[in-house]
Amino acid sequence: MAQVKIEVLDAVIDGKRKGEQLTVESKDAAYLIGIGYAKEVVVKATPKRKPKATKKDEE
């Protein structure tokens, strides 16, 4: 199954308190979101930096 990152709202989930994030199975995340204990965290993909090309001195 797929892992989903969630943020705890007004509850304690697996020892995590309000505002903390954890990764759970998608089925568990759907249940916790459904009863209002958590919300899904949107993970933004960060673009990788390309190394700068260096100019070689031509003589």
Foldseek 3Di string as FASTA:
>chain_A
DDKFKKAFDCDADPNDHHGDIDIDDPVVVVVCVVVPGIGTDDDDDDDDDDDDDDDDDDD
